[in-house]
Amino acid sequence: MNAISERSLKSPNWSAIVMFALGFWLSGSLIIDFAIVPSLWVTGMMNLSGFASAGFTLFGIFNRIELLCAALVLTGFLGLRFDRLITYSDRIQERLSLILSGFLLVIPLIYTYFLTPQISSLGLQLNFFETTSTMPPAMIYLHEGYWLLELVKFVVGVILLRWCFRNSCTLG
């Protein structure tokens, strides 16, 4: 009868989960933004007629991964708040971390359901007899919006990563 052991209900280490998800997400974004996309541009692959559909597939998959990471970050901060493991000196920072992590979830939603489909549709070449070498003006505005959201994502992500790291150091 000793085979049945007592199961303790310990909550997961939310700080470690949040730091892993943020680290994975932000490092993946850095690789996509500063390694993969520039190499595709330099090699001329972005000028090919099939790049819009390939880009839609590539960014569509990465956007879904971003959604999972953002949901994990928000869940982690909710778990920290529920378990009362947040040891911030004031509750304003606790609420602000929930608001910022919720805002981080909105960014991949915008990527997934607005920016990626719009940019891909503007990049499709529907008339094979017409050759265009310039980017449509609407696509330039969408790319500017993308880079602005990326900048906001990195700033907010680093702030949350720093708060979570500081919180995990005070827990141990």
C-alpha atoms as a PDB file:
ATOM      1  CA  MET A   1       0.000   0.000   0.000  1.00  0.00           C
ATOM      2  CA  ASN A   2       2.989   2.280   0.046  1.00  0.00           C
ATOM      3  CA  ALA A   3       2.863   2.468  -3.756  1.00  0.00           C
ATOM      4  CA  ILE A   4       0.314   5.256  -3.583  1.00  0.00           C
ATOM      5  CA  SER A   5       2.165   8.406  -2.712  1.00  0.00           C
ATOM      6  CA  GLU A   6       0.810  11.632  -1.457  1.00  0.00           C
ATOM      7  CA  ARG A   7       0.557  14.200  -4.204  1.00  0.00           C
ATOM      8  CA  SER A   8       1.397  17.715  -3.244  1.00  0.00           C
ATOM      9  CA  LEU A   9      -0.245  20.520  -5.133  1.00  0.00           C
ATOM     10  CA  LYS A  10       2.559  22.911  -5.844  1.00  0.00           C
ATOM     11  CA  SER A  11       2.037  25.737  -8.245  1.00  0.00           C
ATOM     12  CA  PRO A  12       4.416  25.976 -11.176  1.00  0.00           C
ATOM     13  CA  ASN A  13       7.313  28.389 -11.132  1.00  0.00           C
ATOM     14  CA  TRP A  14       5.507  31.195 -12.953  1.00  0.00           C
ATOM     15  CA  SER A  15       8.529  33.483 -12.976  1.00  0.00           C
ATOM     16  CA  ALA A  16      10.614  30.894 -14.801  1.00  0.00           C
ATOM     17  CA  ILE A  17       7.793  30.184 -17.262  1.00  0.00           C
ATOM     18  CA  VAL A  18       7.339  33.882 -18.036  1.00  0.00           C
ATOM     19  CA  MET A  19      11.080  34.475 -18.405  1.00  0.00           C
ATOM     20  CA  PHE A  20      11.426  31.459 -20.715  1.00  0.00           C
ATOM     21  CA  ALA A  21       8.449  32.512 -22.862  1.00  0.00           C
ATOM     22  CA  LEU A  22       9.638  36.125 -23.109  1.00  0.00           C
ATOM     23  CA  GLY A  23      13.211  35.085 -23.839  1.00  0.00           C
ATOM     24  CA  PHE A  24      12.154  32.611 -26.522  1.00  0.00           C
ATOM     25  CA  TRP A  25       9.710  35.073 -28.084  1.00  0.00           C
ATOM     26  CA  LEU A  26      11.999  38.101 -28.129  1.00  0.00           C
ATOM     27  CA  SER A  27      15.013  36.139 -29.353  1.00  0.00           C
ATOM     28  CA  GLY A  28      12.925  34.568 -32.114  1.00  0.00           C
ATOM     29  CA  SER A  29      11.710  37.998 -33.157  1.00  0.00           C
ATOM     30  CA  LEU A  30      15.271  39.291 -33.246  1.00  0.00           C
ATOM     31  CA  ILE A  31      16.331  36.385 -35.461  1.00  0.00           C
ATOM     32  CA  ILE A  32      13.387  36.911 -37.834  1.00  0.00           C
ATOM     33  CA  ASP A  33      13.773  40.707 -37.966  1.00  0.00           C
ATOM     34  CA  PHE A  34      17.536  41.045 -38.143  1.00  0.00           C
ATOM     35  CA  ALA A  35      18.758  37.794 -39.708  1.00  0.00           C
ATOM     36  CA  ILE A  36      16.140  36.050 -41.849  1.00  0.00           C
ATOM     37  CA  VAL A  37      14.309  39.006 -43.419  1.00  0.00           C
ATOM     38  CA  PRO A  38      17.481  40.959 -44.310  1.00  0.00           C
ATOM     39  CA  SER A  39      19.044  37.839 -45.845  1.00  0.00           C
ATOM     40  CA  LEU A  40      15.903  37.302 -47.951  1.00  0.00           C
ATOM     41  CA  TRP A  41      16.071  40.922 -49.081  1.00  0.00           C
ATOM     42  CA  VAL A  42      19.798  40.853 -49.910  1.00  0.00           C
ATOM     43  CA  THR A  43      19.507  37.664 -51.947  1.00  0.00           C
ATOM     44  CA  GLY A  44      16.634  39.142 -53.966  1.00  0.00           C
ATOM     45  CA  MET A  45      14.064  36.587 -52.932  1.00  0.00           C
ATOM     46  CA  MET A  46      11.583  39.327 -51.984  1.00  0.00           C
ATOM     47  CA  ASN A  47      11.382  40.373 -55.630  1.00  0.00           C
ATOM     48  CA  LEU A  48      10.217  36.947 -56.805  1.00  0.00           C
ATOM     49  CA  SER A  49       6.568  36.522 -57.714  1.00  0.00           C
ATOM     50  CA  GLY A  50       5.944  33.723 -55.206  1.00  0.00           C
ATOM     51  CA  PHE A  51       7.429  35.494 -52.214  1.00  0.00           C
ATOM     52  CA  ALA A  52       4.106  36.936 -51.016  1.00  0.00           C
ATOM     53  CA  SER A  53       2.631  33.491 -50.447  1.00  0.00           C
ATOM     54  CA  ALA A  54       5.868  32.165 -48.943  1.00  0.00           C
ATOM     55  CA  GLY A  55       6.113  35.207 -46.667  1.00  0.00           C
ATOM     56  CA  PHE A  56       2.487  34.749 -45.633  1.00  0.00           C
ATOM     57  CA  THR A  57       3.245  31.149 -44.653  1.00  0.00           C
ATOM     58  CA  LEU A  58       6.483  32.011 -42.834  1.00  0.00           C
ATOM     59  CA  PHE A  59       5.054  34.922 -40.886  1.00  0.00           C
ATOM     60  CA  GLY A  60       1.742  33.145 -40.338  1.00  0.00           C
ATOM     61  CA  ILE A  61       3.492  30.306 -38.529  1.00  0.00           C
ATOM     62  CA  PHE A  62       5.674  32.661 -36.504  1.00  0.00           C
ATOM     63  CA  ASN A  63       2.662  34.822 -35.619  1.00  0.00           C
ATOM     64  CA  ARG A  64       0.915  31.778 -34.143  1.00  0.00           C
ATOM     65  CA  ILE A  65       4.017  31.004 -32.082  1.00  0.00           C
ATOM     66  CA  GLU A  66       4.003  34.632 -30.916  1.00  0.00           C
ATOM     67  CA  LEU A  67       0.368  34.265 -29.887  1.00  0.00           C
ATOM     68  CA  LEU A  68       1.227  31.216 -27.795  1.00  0.00           C
ATOM     69  CA  CYS A  69       4.141  32.999 -26.113  1.00  0.00           C
ATOM     70  CA  ALA A  70       2.044  36.103 -25.399  1.00  0.00           C
ATOM     71  CA  ALA A  71      -0.744  33.988 -23.922  1.00  0.00           C
ATOM     72  CA  LEU A  72       1.805  32.153 -21.781  1.00  0.00           C
ATOM     73  CA  VAL A  73       3.237  35.456 -20.524  1.00  0.00           C
ATOM     74  CA  LEU A  74      -0.211  36.773 -19.608  1.00  0.00           C
ATOM     75  CA  THR A  75      -1.084  33.480 -17.939  1.00  0.00           C
ATOM     76  CA  GLY A  76       2.180  33.580 -16.016  1.00  0.00           C
ATOM     77  CA  PHE A  77       1.554  37.052 -14.655  1.00  0.00           C
ATOM     78  CA  LEU A  78      -1.995  36.073 -13.740  1.00  0.00           C
ATOM     79  CA  GLY A  79      -0.583  33.011 -11.989  1.00  0.00           C
ATOM     80  CA  LEU A  80       1.915  35.139 -10.100  1.00  0.00           C
ATOM     81  CA  ARG A  81      -0.855  37.457  -9.000  1.00  0.00           C
ATOM     82  CA  PHE A  82      -3.177  34.597  -8.050  1.00  0.00           C
ATOM     83  CA  ASP A  83      -0.487  32.835  -6.027  1.00  0.00           C
ATOM     84  CA  ARG A  84       0.472  36.140  -4.406  1.00  0.00           C
ATOM     85  CA  LEU A  85       4.073  35.561  -5.407  1.00  0.00           C
ATOM     86  CA  ILE A  86       4.547  39.083  -6.671  1.00  0.00           C
ATOM     87  CA  THR A  87       6.551  40.956  -4.083  1.00  0.00           C
ATOM     88  CA  TYR A  88       6.436  44.385  -5.646  1.00  0.00           C
ATOM     89  CA  SER A  89       6.649  47.294  -3.275  1.00  0.00           C
ATOM     90  CA  ASP A  90       3.480  48.754  -4.710  1.00  0.00           C
ATOM     91  CA  ARG A  91       0.421  47.273  -6.367  1.00  0.00           C
ATOM     92  CA  ILE A  92       0.639  49.733  -9.256  1.00  0.00           C
ATOM     93  CA  GLN A  93       3.508  47.759 -10.762  1.00  0.00           C
ATOM     94  CA  GLU A  94       1.521  44.543 -10.314  1.00  0.00           C
ATOM     95  CA  ARG A  95      -1.427  45.980 -12.224  1.00  0.00           C
ATOM     96  CA  LEU A  96       0.858  47.535 -14.795  1.00  0.00           C
ATOM     97  CA  SER A  97       2.508  44.154 -15.443  1.00  0.00           C
ATOM     98  CA  LEU A  98      -0.920  42.651 -16.164  1.00  0.00           C
ATOM     99  CA  ILE A  99      -1.843  45.533 -18.462  1.00  0.00           C
ATOM    100  CA  LEU A 100       1.478  45.350 -20.309  1.00  0.00           C
ATOM    101  CA  SER A 101       1.296  41.576 -20.704  1.00  0.00           C
ATOM    102  CA  GLY A 102      -2.256  41.972 -22.029  1.00  0.00           C
ATOM    103  CA  PHE A 103      -0.956  44.591 -24.444  1.00  0.00           C
ATOM    104  CA  LEU A 104       1.727  42.127 -25.557  1.00  0.00           C
ATOM    105  CA  LEU A 105      -1.073  39.725 -26.476  1.00  0.00           C
ATOM    106  CA  VAL A 106      -2.719  42.384 -28.650  1.00  0.00           C
ATOM    107  CA  ILE A 107       0.423  42.893 -30.749  1.00  0.00           C
ATOM    108  CA  PRO A 108       0.551  39.350 -32.225  1.00  0.00           C
ATOM    109  CA  LEU A 109      -3.207  39.499 -32.724  1.00  0.00           C
ATOM    110  CA  ILE A 110      -2.678  42.594 -34.889  1.00  0.00           C
ATOM    111  CA  TYR A 111       0.133  40.814 -36.735  1.00  0.00           C
ATOM    112  CA  THR A 112      -1.853  37.634 -37.287  1.00  0.00           C
ATOM    113  CA  TYR A 113      -5.207  39.022 -38.310  1.00  0.00           C
ATOM    114  CA  PHE A 114      -4.374  42.402 -39.853  1.00  0.00           C
ATOM    115  CA  LEU A 115      -0.788  43.157 -40.861  1.00  0.00           C
ATOM    116  CA  THR A 116       0.351  39.830 -42.320  1.00  0.00           C
ATOM    117  CA  PRO A 117      -2.739  39.310 -44.506  1.00  0.00           C
ATOM    118  CA  GLN A 118      -2.699  42.941 -45.683  1.00  0.00           C
ATOM    119  CA  ILE A 119       1.010  42.997 -46.521  1.00  0.00           C
ATOM    120  CA  SER A 120       0.766  39.628 -48.273  1.00  0.00           C
ATOM    121  CA  SER A 121      -2.230  40.708 -50.332  1.00  0.00           C
ATOM    122  CA  LEU A 122      -0.437  43.882 -51.437  1.00  0.00           C
ATOM    123  CA  GLY A 123       2.583  41.798 -52.419  1.00  0.00           C
ATOM    124  CA  LEU A 124       0.675  39.387 -54.636  1.00  0.00           C
ATOM    125  CA  GLN A 125       1.348  39.820 -58.329  1.00  0.00           C
ATOM    126  CA  LEU A 126      -1.992  39.312 -60.032  1.00  0.00           C
ATOM    127  CA  ASN A 127      -1.048  40.583 -63.479  1.00  0.00           C
ATOM    128  CA  PHE A 128       1.892  38.615 -64.854  1.00  0.00           C
ATOM    129  CA  PHE A 129       2.390  41.020 -67.777  1.00  0.00           C
ATOM    130  CA  GLU A 130       2.929  44.037 -65.548  1.00  0.00           C
ATOM    131  CA  THR A 131       6.266  44.343 -63.803  1.00  0.00           C
ATOM    132  CA  THR A 132       6.576  46.555 -60.768  1.00  0.00           C
ATOM    133  CA  SER A 133       9.864  47.210 -59.088  1.00  0.00           C
ATOM    134  CA  THR A 134       8.615  49.558 -56.391  1.00  0.00           C
ATOM    135  CA  MET A 135       6.718  48.842 -53.246  1.00  0.00           C
ATOM    136  CA  PRO A 136       3.130  50.146 -53.127  1.00  0.00           C
ATOM    137  CA  PRO A 137       2.722  53.158 -50.794  1.00  0.00           C
ATOM    138  CA  ALA A 138       0.162  51.317 -48.658  1.00  0.00           C
ATOM    139  CA  MET A 139       2.704  48.568 -48.026  1.00  0.00           C
ATOM    140  CA  ILE A 140       5.245  51.116 -46.845  1.00  0.00           C
ATOM    141  CA  TYR A 141       2.783  52.370 -44.227  1.00  0.00           C
ATOM    142  CA  LEU A 142       2.036  48.809 -43.119  1.00  0.00           C
ATOM    143  CA  HIS A 143       5.756  48.082 -42.766  1.00  0.00           C
ATOM    144  CA  GLU A 144       6.188  51.249 -40.702  1.00  0.00           C
ATOM    145  CA  GLY A 145       3.341  50.066 -38.456  1.00  0.00           C
ATOM    146  CA  TYR A 146       4.994  46.669 -38.154  1.00  0.00           C
ATOM    147  CA  TRP A 147       8.337  48.169 -37.089  1.00  0.00           C
ATOM    148  CA  LEU A 148       6.623  50.480 -34.617  1.00  0.00           C
ATOM    149  CA  LEU A 149       4.814  47.513 -33.056  1.00  0.00           C
ATOM    150  CA  GLU A 150       8.088  45.567 -32.983  1.00  0.00           C
ATOM    151  CA  LEU A 151       9.776  48.401 -31.123  1.00  0.00           C
ATOM    152  CA  VAL A 152       6.921  48.591 -28.621  1.00  0.00           C
ATOM    153  CA  LYS A 153       6.998  44.795 -28.228  1.00  0.00           C
ATOM    154  CA  PHE A 154      10.724  44.785 -27.443  1.00  0.00           C
ATOM    155  CA  VAL A 155      10.478  47.666 -24.969  1.00  0.00           C
ATOM    156  CA  VAL A 156       7.482  46.185 -23.136  1.00  0.00           C
ATOM    157  CA  GLY A 157       8.969  42.686 -23.268  1.00  0.00           C
ATOM    158  CA  VAL A 158      12.271  43.811 -21.765  1.00  0.00           C
ATOM    159  CA  ILE A 159      10.438  45.743 -19.021  1.00  0.00           C
ATOM    160  CA  LEU A 160       8.371  42.671 -18.116  1.00  0.00           C
ATOM    161  CA  LEU A 161      11.412  40.408 -18.323  1.00  0.00           C
ATOM    162  CA  ARG A 162      13.286  42.708 -15.968  1.00  0.00           C
ATOM    163  CA  TRP A 163      10.404  42.843 -13.482  1.00  0.00           C
ATOM    164  CA  CYS A 164       9.987  39.088 -13.576  1.00  0.00           C
ATOM    165  CA  PHE A 165      13.721  38.502 -13.142  1.00  0.00           C
ATOM    166  CA  ARG A 166      13.802  40.882 -10.185  1.00  0.00           C
ATOM    167  CA  ASN A 167      10.775  39.083  -8.733  1.00  0.00           C
ATOM    168  CA  SER A 168      12.391  35.658  -9.141  1.00  0.00           C
ATOM    169  CA  CYS A 169      15.541  36.880  -7.409  1.00  0.00           C
ATOM    170  CA  THR A 170      13.541  38.058  -4.400  1.00  0.00           C
ATOM    171  CA  LEU A 171      11.620  34.761  -4.202  1.00  0.00           C
ATOM    172  CA  GLY A 172      14.707  32.593  -3.779  1.00  0.00           C
END
